[in-house]
Amino acid sequence: MDIDVIFKIAGIGILATVVCSILEQSGKKEIATFVSLSSVIICLVMVLSMISDLFSTIRNLFSLY
């Protein structure tokens, strides 16, 4: 597992937090909600692709088809 994925997820989280804070202070709470939701979805897609790779590796390891 690469440490780059952890840094990418942390970077997305920090960026989303800063953007949400700025948007909430300017009174645009709905857009801040969409920003936080989109960052969660992006991180979830990254993790799901890694889990898919894990399951395919396990399937190949035990010769399951």
Protein backbone atom coordinates (compact mmCIF):
# COMPACT_ATOMS: atom_id res chain seq x y z
CA MET A 1 0.00 0.00 0.00
CA ASP A 2 1.33 3.38 -0.95
CA ILE A 3 1.47 6.17 1.56
CA ASP A 4 0.49 8.53 -1.27
CA VAL A 5 -3.15 7.50 -0.91
CA ILE A 6 -3.17 8.51 2.74
CA PHE A 7 -1.65 11.88 1.86
CA LYS A 8 -4.22 12.41 -0.91
CA ILE A 9 -7.11 11.67 1.43
CA ALA A 10 -5.64 13.95 4.10
CA GLY A 11 -5.13 16.70 1.53
CA ILE A 12 -8.71 16.42 0.33
CA GLY A 13 -9.91 16.61 3.93
CA ILE A 14 -7.85 19.67 4.76
CA LEU A 15 -8.87 21.45 1.56
CA ALA A 16 -12.55 20.65 2.11
CA THR A 17 -12.36 21.89 5.70
CA VAL A 18 -10.83 25.22 4.67
CA VAL A 19 -13.33 25.73 1.84
CA CYS A 20 -16.28 24.81 4.06
CA SER A 21 -15.13 27.22 6.76
CA ILE A 22 -14.83 30.06 4.27
CA LEU A 23 -18.22 29.30 2.76
CA GLU A 24 -19.95 29.05 6.14
CA GLN A 25 -18.50 32.38 7.27
CA SER A 26 -19.76 34.02 4.10
CA GLY A 27 -23.26 32.67 4.70
CA LYS A 28 -23.34 30.01 1.99
CA LYS A 29 -24.05 27.02 4.17
CA GLU A 30 -25.74 24.98 1.40
CA ILE A 31 -22.71 25.16 -0.86
CA ALA A 32 -20.47 24.21 2.07
CA THR A 33 -22.60 21.12 2.58
CA PHE A 34 -22.18 20.15 -1.07
CA VAL A 35 -18.42 20.66 -0.85
CA SER A 36 -18.13 18.41 2.19
CA LEU A 37 -20.38 15.78 0.61
CA SER A 38 -18.38 15.79 -2.60
CA SER A 39 -15.11 15.40 -0.71
CA VAL A 40 -16.51 12.40 1.14
CA ILE A 41 -17.63 10.85 -2.14
CA ILE A 42 -14.22 11.40 -3.74
CA CYS A 43 -12.46 9.73 -0.81
CA LEU A 44 -14.98 6.88 -0.82
CA VAL A 45 -14.33 6.21 -4.52
CA MET A 46 -10.59 6.11 -3.86
CA VAL A 47 -11.03 3.63 -1.01
CA LEU A 48 -13.51 1.49 -2.95
CA SER A 49 -11.08 1.10 -5.83
CA MET A 50 -8.42 -0.06 -3.38
CA ILE A 51 -10.84 -2.57 -1.81
CA SER A 52 -11.72 -3.85 -5.28
CA ASP A 53 -8.03 -4.40 -6.00
CA LEU A 54 -7.69 -6.22 -2.68
CA PHE A 55 -10.55 -8.60 -3.48
CA SER A 56 -9.18 -9.33 -6.95
CA THR A 57 -5.77 -10.08 -5.44
CA ILE A 58 -7.31 -12.45 -2.90
CA ARG A 59 -9.34 -14.11 -5.65
CA ASN A 60 -6.18 -14.65 -7.73
CA LEU A 61 -4.23 -15.84 -4.72
CA PHE A 62 -6.68 -18.61 -3.91
CA SER A 63 -7.57 -19.27 -7.57
CA LEU A 64 -11.24 -18.45 -7.05
CA TYR A 65 -13.23 -17.49 -10.12
